[in-house]
Amino acid sequence: MPNSSASLRAHRTHTLLAISAAAVAVATLAPAGCYNPTIAEGFKCNTTYEPGAGDCPDGFHCGPAGLCLRGPAVDAAVDQGGSKPETRVDGPVDMPSEPVVQPEAGPDLPMMCNMPVAGCTADTTKKCDPVCQTGCGCHEKCSASTAGALTCNPPRGSALKAVGESCVISASGTVAQSDDCKPGLVCVADGCGGGRCYRFCRADADCPGSACSRDAGGGVEICDVPFAACDPIGGGARAGCPSTGGMPEGCYLAGAAAPDQTLCDCPFGAQRENDTCVTSRDCLPGLVCVDPAGTFDLRCQPVWMLQGNGGCSNSRTCVAIGAAATYGYCRP
């Protein structure tokens, strides 16, 4: 009986010689310019005889489907998409006990996690502290709704507004109320036809250049607009301030906390002399909201200078507002 191994080698040799002969024939024809084919890939690998040893001609390799493909064989560990092969490290590797997962920033989340105010002593008896910015989640800010409830919600958008910039309120008066002001600020509607960002505060020391005298809702205090040099008396109160959003601002007294300071702001209302009011900006410029009879009956009264009775007419007396030394109002 003939040796089977010798027979297999003879068959393999015969097959490869046939392919080589075809290649020589092609090479012979090429200079004449008549015929220049190439060996097409996709023919079956010669795995029947001596698998793994010369299964395909030179320049080809046996692919996963058992067909000869052009080029050298590629290590299966290498990503066919072109990325680098995995680097293997011998020996133990230190891995964290738990993965560190950062929340993805989206169109309604700021890029950085909200950080508490350095050195601020938080009030831990409340849901959160809007001054210290504590008590809420990573991408949330502590704020207050128009109803005065403290809230923990993400700000609107990522381009957050600074103090005094115009802003937009969403879900007003609800636990979901939010706005596009920076952490530590809240959007409050005013008389200028929209809302502006105001800073939360506990005392005047929290409000450089202004007073901690405004209400964001429910008694939650915010810094008022900055002090400004203007004339709060008569027609001058309506002429010495700029406009905001097309609305003319008026000159007002800053209030009992800073009774001799003046500021420019848009009127909340159009209350005239002796009309009822809640704040001075309910009144027209040139007036101040006071309780002349001490009966908690707040009324709009004219602002005057204390010196020389301030020009109060009809035998009215100019009365100081709190500890004011410069401005007062004409008591009826």
Protein backbone atom coordinates (compact mmCIF):
# COMPACT_ATOMS: atom_id res chain seq x y z
CA MET A 1 0.00 0.00 0.00
CA PRO A 2 1.44 3.42 -0.90
CA ASN A 3 2.47 5.77 1.92
CA SER A 4 -0.51 8.10 2.56
CA SER A 5 1.67 10.98 3.85
CA ALA A 6 3.80 10.88 0.71
CA SER A 7 0.64 10.89 -1.40
CA LEU A 8 -0.70 13.95 0.40
CA ARG A 9 2.56 15.83 -0.10
CA ALA A 10 2.58 14.91 -3.76
CA HIS A 11 -0.97 16.18 -4.22
CA ARG A 12 -0.18 19.47 -2.45
CA THR A 13 2.98 19.92 -4.53
CA HIS A 14 1.04 19.27 -7.72
CA THR A 15 -1.59 21.90 -6.78
CA LEU A 16 0.97 24.62 -5.93
CA LEU A 17 2.96 23.89 -9.09
CA ALA A 18 -0.17 24.36 -11.15
CA ILE A 19 -0.83 27.74 -9.60
CA SER A 20 2.85 28.75 -10.08
CA ALA A 21 2.68 27.71 -13.71
CA ALA A 22 -0.35 29.90 -14.24
CA ALA A 23 1.49 32.83 -12.66
CA VAL A 24 4.49 32.29 -14.98
CA ALA A 25 2.21 32.23 -17.97
CA VAL A 26 0.67 35.51 -16.92
CA ALA A 27 4.12 37.05 -16.38
CA THR A 28 5.12 35.90 -19.88
CA LEU A 29 2.12 37.56 -21.49
CA ALA A 30 2.40 40.83 -19.53
CA PRO A 31 5.25 42.46 -21.54
CA ALA A 32 3.26 42.00 -24.76
CA GLY A 33 0.47 44.15 -23.26
CA CYS A 34 -2.19 41.63 -24.23
CA TYR A 35 -3.27 40.16 -20.90
CA ASN A 36 -2.50 41.16 -17.32
CA PRO A 37 -4.91 39.46 -14.90
CA THR A 38 -4.41 39.18 -11.17
CA ILE A 39 -5.22 36.23 -8.98
CA ALA A 40 -8.59 37.00 -7.41
CA GLU A 41 -8.96 36.24 -3.72
CA GLY A 42 -11.74 34.02 -2.43
CA PHE A 43 -10.65 30.58 -3.61
CA LYS A 44 -10.77 27.74 -1.13
CA CYS A 45 -7.87 27.18 1.25
CA ASN A 46 -5.94 23.93 0.89
CA THR A 47 -6.74 22.74 4.42
CA THR A 48 -7.52 19.16 3.46
CA TYR A 49 -3.84 18.34 3.29
CA GLU A 50 -1.41 19.30 6.05
CA PRO A 51 -3.60 22.06 7.62
CA GLY A 52 -1.80 25.25 8.67
CA ALA A 53 1.25 24.70 6.44
CA GLY A 54 1.03 26.59 3.18
CA ASP A 55 -2.75 26.51 2.87
CA CYS A 56 -2.63 29.39 0.32
CA PRO A 57 -0.09 30.75 -2.19
CA ASP A 58 2.46 33.39 -1.20
CA GLY A 59 0.84 36.79 -0.59
CA PHE A 60 -2.41 35.22 0.61
CA HIS A 61 -3.66 33.86 3.91
CA CYS A 62 -6.48 31.54 4.88
CA GLY A 63 -9.37 33.60 6.28
CA PRO A 64 -12.01 32.64 8.86
CA ALA A 65 -14.41 31.39 6.16
CA GLY A 66 -11.85 28.92 4.78
CA LEU A 67 -11.08 31.12 1.75
CA CYS A 68 -7.72 32.50 0.64
CA LEU A 69 -7.57 36.26 1.14
CA ARG A 70 -4.94 38.70 -0.07
CA GLY A 71 -2.34 39.93 2.42
CA PRO A 72 -0.77 38.57 5.61
CA ALA A 73 -2.81 36.99 8.38
CA VAL A 74 -4.10 39.43 11.07
CA ASP A 75 -4.04 38.57 14.77
CA ALA A 76 -7.60 38.08 15.96
CA ALA A 77 -6.84 40.22 19.01
CA VAL A 78 -6.35 43.27 16.80
CA ASP A 79 -9.46 45.37 16.18
CA GLN A 80 -10.25 45.28 12.47
CA GLY A 81 -11.46 48.88 12.71
CA GLY A 82 -7.88 50.15 12.96
CA SER A 83 -7.49 50.69 16.70
CA LYS A 84 -4.45 49.54 18.56
CA PRO A 85 -4.36 46.02 20.02
CA GLU A 86 -5.04 45.62 23.69
CA THR A 87 -1.98 46.10 25.88
CA ARG A 88 -1.59 43.25 28.34
CA VAL A 89 0.15 43.71 31.67
CA ASP A 90 1.53 40.73 33.54
CA GLY A 91 0.97 40.63 37.27
CA PRO A 92 -1.70 42.19 39.52
CA VAL A 93 -3.15 45.59 38.65
CA ASP A 94 -4.58 47.99 41.27
CA MET A 95 -8.20 48.81 40.45
CA PRO A 96 -10.57 51.16 42.32
CA SER A 97 -13.04 49.40 44.59
CA GLU A 98 -15.94 51.18 42.85
CA PRO A 99 -16.06 52.96 39.50
CA VAL A 100 -16.16 56.74 39.59
CA VAL A 101 -19.15 57.80 37.52
CA GLN A 102 -19.61 61.48 36.58
CA PRO A 103 -23.12 62.59 35.59
CA GLU A 104 -23.30 63.62 31.96
CA ALA A 105 -23.87 67.34 31.37
CA GLY A 106 -26.82 68.05 29.13
CA PRO A 107 -28.52 71.16 27.74
CA ASP A 108 -30.28 71.74 31.06
CA LEU A 109 -27.34 71.02 33.35
CA PRO A 110 -24.26 73.10 34.08
CA MET A 111 -20.93 71.57 33.16
CA MET A 112 -19.53 71.69 36.69
CA CYS A 113 -20.98 70.38 39.95
CA ASN A 114 -22.40 73.14 42.15
CA MET A 115 -20.01 73.84 45.04
CA PRO A 116 -20.90 75.24 48.49
CA VAL A 117 -19.75 78.79 49.26
CA ALA A 118 -16.36 78.65 51.00
CA GLY A 119 -16.44 79.74 54.64
CA CYS A 120 -20.23 80.03 54.73
CA THR A 121 -21.99 78.66 57.82
CA ALA A 122 -25.04 76.80 56.55
CA ASP A 123 -28.42 76.73 58.24
CA THR A 124 -28.93 72.97 58.62
CA THR A 125 -32.45 73.35 60.03
CA LYS A 126 -33.82 74.06 56.56
CA LYS A 127 -34.25 71.96 53.43
CA CYS A 128 -31.23 73.75 51.96
CA ASP A 129 -29.32 77.00 52.38
CA PRO A 130 -29.56 79.37 49.37
CA VAL A 131 -26.82 81.66 50.71
CA CYS A 132 -24.26 78.88 51.35
CA GLN A 133 -25.57 76.69 48.51
CA THR A 134 -25.72 73.53 50.59
CA GLY A 135 -28.27 70.74 50.98
CA CYS A 136 -28.95 69.97 47.30
CA GLY A 137 -27.60 67.50 44.75
CA CYS A 138 -24.52 67.90 42.55
CA HIS A 139 -26.18 69.66 39.60
CA GLU A 140 -28.90 71.34 41.65
CA LYS A 141 -28.95 74.77 43.24
CA CYS A 142 -30.74 75.80 46.42
CA SER A 143 -33.27 78.47 45.54
CA ALA A 144 -36.70 79.72 46.55
CA SER A 145 -40.04 79.73 44.77
CA THR A 146 -42.24 82.79 44.54
CA ALA A 147 -44.30 81.13 47.28
CA GLY A 148 -41.27 81.27 49.59
CA ALA A 149 -40.54 77.53 49.61
CA LEU A 150 -36.90 76.46 49.39
CA THR A 151 -36.24 74.25 46.36
CA CYS A 152 -33.53 71.95 44.97
CA ASN A 153 -33.68 71.92 41.17
CA PRO A 154 -31.20 72.10 38.27
CA PRO A 155 -30.82 75.56 36.72
CA ARG A 156 -32.26 76.09 33.24
CA GLY A 157 -29.62 75.66 30.55
CA SER A 158 -25.85 75.95 30.83
CA ALA A 159 -25.29 79.67 30.01
CA LEU A 160 -26.26 80.87 33.48
CA LYS A 161 -26.83 84.56 34.20
CA ALA A 162 -25.05 86.86 36.66
CA VAL A 163 -26.43 89.42 39.13
CA GLY A 164 -28.59 92.02 37.39
CA GLU A 165 -28.90 90.13 34.11
CA SER A 166 -32.30 89.34 32.64
CA CYS A 167 -33.56 85.82 33.33
CA VAL A 168 -36.46 83.42 32.79
CA ILE A 169 -38.53 81.64 35.45
CA SER A 170 -40.06 78.20 34.88
CA ALA A 171 -42.82 76.49 36.91
CA SER A 172 -43.32 79.63 39.00
CA GLY A 173 -44.71 79.07 42.50
CA THR A 174 -44.24 75.27 42.45
CA VAL A 175 -41.65 72.92 44.00
CA ALA A 176 -40.21 72.54 40.48
CA GLN A 177 -39.59 76.28 40.04
CA SER A 178 -36.22 77.03 38.49
CA ASP A 179 -34.49 79.71 36.43
CA ASP A 180 -31.32 80.40 34.45
CA CYS A 181 -29.47 82.36 37.16
CA LYS A 182 -26.21 81.11 38.65
CA PRO A 183 -26.22 79.19 41.97
CA GLY A 184 -26.68 81.64 44.85
CA LEU A 185 -28.95 83.80 42.69
CA VAL A 186 -32.67 83.73 41.97
CA CYS A 187 -34.73 85.18 39.14
CA VAL A 188 -37.33 87.64 40.44
CA ALA A 189 -39.89 89.44 38.30
CA ASP A 190 -39.67 93.22 38.53
CA GLY A 191 -41.24 96.30 36.99
CA CYS A 192 -38.85 96.38 34.04
CA GLY A 193 -40.95 94.00 31.96
CA GLY A 194 -39.27 90.73 32.92
CA GLY A 195 -37.02 89.26 35.58
CA ARG A 196 -33.51 89.85 36.84
CA CYS A 197 -31.06 87.75 38.84
CA TYR A 198 -30.75 88.74 42.52
CA ARG A 199 -28.38 87.43 45.18
CA PHE A 200 -29.63 85.60 48.29
CA CYS A 201 -28.56 87.26 51.55
CA ARG A 202 -28.93 87.25 55.32
CA ALA A 203 -27.47 90.69 56.07
CA ASP A 204 -26.21 93.80 54.29
CA ALA A 205 -22.69 92.36 54.52
CA ASP A 206 -23.79 89.80 51.90
CA CYS A 207 -24.68 92.63 49.50
CA PRO A 208 -21.69 94.77 48.46
CA GLY A 209 -23.01 98.08 47.15
CA SER A 210 -26.65 97.38 48.05
CA ALA A 211 -28.90 96.35 50.95
CA CYS A 212 -30.32 92.98 52.02
CA SER A 213 -33.84 94.36 51.92
CA ARG A 214 -35.78 92.67 49.14
CA ASP A 215 -38.12 89.69 49.29
CA ALA A 216 -37.84 86.83 46.81
CA GLY A 217 -41.06 85.36 48.17
CA GLY A 218 -42.30 84.23 51.57
CA GLY A 219 -39.71 86.28 53.43
CA VAL A 220 -36.63 84.80 51.73
CA GLU A 221 -34.29 87.77 51.51
CA ILE A 222 -32.27 88.91 48.50
CA CYS A 223 -29.99 91.87 47.82
CA ASP A 224 -31.70 94.87 46.29
CA VAL A 225 -30.44 96.58 43.10
CA PRO A 226 -27.17 98.51 43.58
CA PHE A 227 -27.14 101.96 45.13
CA ALA A 228 -26.99 104.79 42.60
CA ALA A 229 -26.51 108.54 42.87
CA CYS A 230 -29.81 110.07 41.79
CA ASP A 231 -32.41 112.62 42.93
CA PRO A 232 -35.39 110.97 44.70
CA ILE A 233 -37.44 114.17 44.97
CA GLY A 234 -40.22 115.31 42.63
CA GLY A 235 -39.57 115.51 38.89
CA GLY A 236 -35.87 114.74 39.39
CA ALA A 237 -36.80 111.22 40.46
CA ARG A 238 -38.22 110.57 37.01
CA ALA A 239 -35.35 112.04 35.00
CA GLY A 240 -32.05 110.90 36.52
CA CYS A 241 -32.09 107.15 35.85
CA PRO A 242 -31.61 104.99 32.73
CA SER A 243 -34.08 102.64 31.07
CA THR A 244 -34.08 98.85 31.26
CA GLY A 245 -35.72 96.81 28.53
CA GLY A 246 -37.37 99.96 27.20
CA MET A 247 -38.86 100.73 30.62
CA PRO A 248 -37.80 104.03 32.27
CA GLU A 249 -36.38 103.57 35.76
CA GLY A 250 -37.03 105.98 38.60
CA CYS A 251 -35.01 107.15 41.60
CA TYR A 252 -36.13 105.68 44.95
CA LEU A 253 -34.94 105.65 48.53
CA ALA A 254 -33.27 102.35 49.33
CA GLY A 255 -35.46 101.71 52.39
CA ALA A 256 -35.23 101.61 56.16
CA ALA A 257 -31.98 99.59 56.12
CA ALA A 258 -30.21 102.38 54.19
CA PRO A 259 -32.62 105.35 54.35
CA ASP A 260 -30.18 107.93 52.93
CA GLN A 261 -29.12 105.75 50.00
CA THR A 262 -30.80 106.04 46.63
CA LEU A 263 -31.15 103.58 43.75
CA CYS A 264 -32.56 103.35 40.24
CA ASP A 265 -35.25 100.78 39.52
CA CYS A 266 -38.42 100.29 37.49
CA PRO A 267 -41.71 100.97 39.32
CA PHE A 268 -43.70 97.90 40.33
CA GLY A 269 -46.92 99.88 40.06
CA ALA A 270 -48.28 103.35 39.48
CA GLN A 271 -49.61 104.27 42.90
CA ARG A 272 -49.96 108.00 43.50
CA GLU A 273 -49.74 110.10 46.64
CA ASN A 274 -51.85 108.68 49.52
CA ASP A 275 -52.54 105.45 47.60
CA THR A 276 -51.94 102.19 49.47
CA CYS A 277 -48.66 100.36 48.87
CA VAL A 278 -46.49 97.49 50.03
CA THR A 279 -43.06 98.73 48.88
CA SER A 280 -41.84 102.10 47.64
CA ARG A 281 -41.61 100.76 44.09
CA ASP A 282 -45.35 100.29 44.10
CA CYS A 283 -45.40 104.09 44.10
CA LEU A 284 -44.43 106.41 41.26
CA PRO A 285 -40.88 107.85 41.43
CA GLY A 286 -40.66 110.74 43.89
CA LEU A 287 -42.77 108.93 46.48
CA VAL A 288 -41.93 106.55 49.31
CA CYS A 289 -44.09 103.86 50.93
CA VAL A 290 -44.44 104.64 54.66
CA ASP A 291 -46.80 104.18 57.60
CA PRO A 292 -47.47 107.80 58.59
CA ALA A 293 -50.04 107.04 61.29
CA GLY A 294 -48.22 104.03 62.73
CA THR A 295 -51.29 101.86 62.18
CA PHE A 296 -49.77 99.49 59.56
CA ASP A 297 -51.58 101.47 56.89
CA LEU A 298 -48.85 101.94 54.29
CA ARG A 299 -49.28 104.87 51.92
CA CYS A 300 -47.29 106.59 49.17
CA GLN A 301 -45.96 109.95 50.43
CA PRO A 302 -43.66 112.60 48.83
CA VAL A 303 -39.93 112.41 49.50
CA TRP A 304 -38.28 115.63 50.73
CA MET A 305 -35.07 116.89 52.25
CA LEU A 306 -35.03 117.00 56.05
CA GLN A 307 -33.03 120.23 56.13
CA GLY A 308 -35.29 123.30 56.34
CA ASN A 309 -38.41 121.10 56.47
CA GLY A 310 -37.62 119.98 52.93
CA GLY A 311 -40.20 122.24 51.29
CA CYS A 312 -43.22 120.27 52.48
CA SER A 313 -46.29 122.31 51.61
CA ASN A 314 -49.65 122.84 53.32
CA SER A 315 -48.08 122.94 56.80
CA ARG A 316 -46.95 119.34 56.51
CA THR A 317 -43.91 118.20 58.45
CA CYS A 318 -40.91 116.43 56.89
CA VAL A 319 -40.32 113.31 58.97
CA ALA A 320 -37.17 111.22 58.89
CA ILE A 321 -37.41 107.65 57.66
CA GLY A 322 -35.78 105.50 60.33
CA ALA A 323 -32.30 106.81 61.11
CA ALA A 324 -32.10 108.97 57.97
CA ALA A 325 -30.18 112.24 58.20
CA THR A 326 -30.83 113.49 54.68
CA TYR A 327 -34.21 112.36 53.36
CA GLY A 328 -37.66 112.14 54.84
CA TYR A 329 -41.29 112.24 53.78
CA CYS A 330 -44.04 114.77 54.16
CA ARG A 331 -46.38 113.58 56.87
CA PRO A 332 -50.03 114.45 56.12
